[in-house]
C-alpha atoms as a PDB file:
ATOM      1  CA  MET A   1     120.116  85.505  98.455  1.00  0.00           C
ATOM      2  CA  SER A   2     116.891  86.214 100.275  1.00  0.00           C
ATOM      3  CA  TRP A   3     116.597  89.367 102.338  1.00  0.00           C
ATOM      4  CA  PHE A   4     114.099  87.740 104.762  1.00  0.00           C
ATOM      5  CA  PRO A   5     116.655  85.878 106.903  1.00  0.00           C
ATOM      6  CA  MET A   6     117.941  89.305 107.934  1.00  0.00           C
ATOM      7  CA  ILE A   7     114.511  90.213 109.327  1.00  0.00           C
ATOM      8  CA  ILE A   8     114.027  89.384 112.976  1.00  0.00           C
ATOM      9  CA  ASP A   9     110.268  89.961 113.094  1.00  0.00           C
ATOM     10  CA  THR A  10     109.040  87.525 110.437  1.00  0.00           C
ATOM     11  CA  PRO A  11     105.323  87.744 111.433  1.00  0.00           C
ATOM     12  CA  THR A  12     105.346  91.522 110.942  1.00  0.00           C
ATOM     13  CA  ALA A  13     107.143  91.144 107.620  1.00  0.00           C
ATOM     14  CA  ARG A  14     104.441  88.683 106.546  1.00  0.00           C
ATOM     15  CA  VAL A  15     101.712  91.218 107.374  1.00  0.00           C
ATOM     16  CA  TRP A  16     103.366  93.827 105.164  1.00  0.00           C
ATOM     17  CA  VAL A  17     103.960  91.390 102.304  1.00  0.00           C
ATOM     18  CA  GLU A  18     100.321  90.263 102.489  1.00  0.00           C
ATOM     19  CA  ARG A  19      99.194  93.901 102.285  1.00  0.00           C
ATOM     20  CA  GLY A  20     101.319  94.329  99.193  1.00  0.00           C
ATOM     21  CA  LEU A  21      99.906  91.107  97.780  1.00  0.00           C
ATOM     22  CA  LYS A  22      96.347  92.427  98.110  1.00  0.00           C
ATOM     23  CA  MET A  23      97.273  95.627  96.303  1.00  0.00           C
ATOM     24  CA  ARG A  24      99.061  93.736  93.552  1.00  0.00           C
ATOM     25  CA  GLU A  25      96.139  91.328  93.118  1.00  0.00           C
ATOM     26  CA  SER A  26      93.846  94.321  92.780  1.00  0.00           C
ATOM     27  CA  LEU A  27      96.068  95.831  90.098  1.00  0.00           C
ATOM     28  CA  VAL A  28      96.133  92.568  88.155  1.00  0.00           C
ATOM     29  CA  ASP A  29      92.335  92.374  88.429  1.00  0.00           C
ATOM     30  CA  THR A  30      92.037  95.835  86.858  1.00  0.00           C
ATOM     31  CA  ASP A  31      94.457  95.077  84.019  1.00  0.00           C
ATOM     32  CA  PRO A  32      95.267  91.356  83.634  1.00  0.00           C
ATOM     33  CA  SER A  33      97.322  91.970  80.480  1.00  0.00           C
ATOM     34  CA  ASN A  34      99.776  94.288  82.249  1.00  0.00           C
ATOM     35  CA  ILE A  35     103.023  92.340  82.451  1.00  0.00           C
ATOM     36  CA  GLU A  36     104.509  94.600  85.126  1.00  0.00           C
ATOM     37  CA  PHE A  37     101.504  93.962  87.382  1.00  0.00           C
ATOM     38  CA  GLN A  38     101.822  90.212  86.769  1.00  0.00           C
ATOM     39  CA  TYR A  39     105.534  90.298  87.568  1.00  0.00           C
ATOM     40  CA  ASN A  40     105.015  92.230  90.799  1.00  0.00           C
ATOM     41  CA  LEU A  41     102.326  89.774  91.858  1.00  0.00           C
ATOM     42  CA  ALA A  42     104.766  86.906  91.323  1.00  0.00           C
ATOM     43  CA  VAL A  43     107.324  88.772  93.446  1.00  0.00           C
ATOM     44  CA  SER A  44     104.800  88.865  96.301  1.00  0.00           C
ATOM     45  CA  TRP A  45     104.247  85.122  95.986  1.00  0.00           C
ATOM     46  CA  GLU A  46     108.002  84.542  96.053  1.00  0.00           C
ATOM     47  CA  GLN A  47     108.378  86.747  99.142  1.00  0.00           C
ATOM     48  CA  LEU A  48     105.641  84.788 100.905  1.00  0.00           C
ATOM     49  CA  GLY A  49     107.484  81.601  99.986  1.00  0.00           C
ATOM     50  CA  GLU A  50     110.685  82.964 101.489  1.00  0.00           C
ATOM     51  CA  LEU A  51     108.858  83.945 104.680  1.00  0.00           C
ATOM     52  CA  ALA A  52     107.243  80.510 104.949  1.00  0.00           C
ATOM     53  CA  GLN A  53     110.645  78.900 104.423  1.00  0.00           C
ATOM     54  CA  ALA A  54     112.186  81.099 107.128  1.00  0.00           C
ATOM     55  CA  ALA A  55     109.369  80.033 109.466  1.00  0.00           C
ATOM     56  CA  GLY A  56     110.104  76.366 108.725  1.00  0.00           C
ATOM     57  CA  ASP A  57     106.870  75.753 106.814  1.00  0.00           C
ATOM     58  CA  THR A  58     108.266  73.869 103.846  1.00  0.00           C
ATOM     59  CA  ALA A  59     104.883  72.853 102.413  1.00  0.00           C
ATOM     60  CA  ALA A  60     103.610  76.444 102.334  1.00  0.00           C
ATOM     61  CA  ALA A  61     106.934  77.659 100.939  1.00  0.00           C
ATOM     62  CA  CYS A  62     106.739  75.137  98.096  1.00  0.00           C
ATOM     63  CA  ALA A  63     103.163  76.162  97.325  1.00  0.00           C
ATOM     64  CA  TRP A  64     104.074  79.862  97.138  1.00  0.00           C
ATOM     65  CA  PHE A  65     107.187  79.177  95.037  1.00  0.00           C
ATOM     66  CA  GLU A  66     105.189  77.022  92.613  1.00  0.00           C
ATOM     67  CA  ARG A  67     102.602  79.767  92.287  1.00  0.00           C
ATOM     68  CA  ALA A  68     105.362  82.291  91.559  1.00  0.00           C
ATOM     69  CA  GLY A  69     106.594  80.087  88.747  1.00  0.00           C
END
């Protein structure tokens, strides 16, 4: 079960997840073979998908979920 439906302020949650995404992308850029970095990046993509879904943006949610694998 997603933890995002419990969040009232979805736009603020998105800002924080996007900040985390930038950090995780940077880590993957420094060490692309690090599986933990890759996993955490996929978690960010999944979280963005959940936020898009909560906002009713099905197309964006699908795109993020596909990216997460």
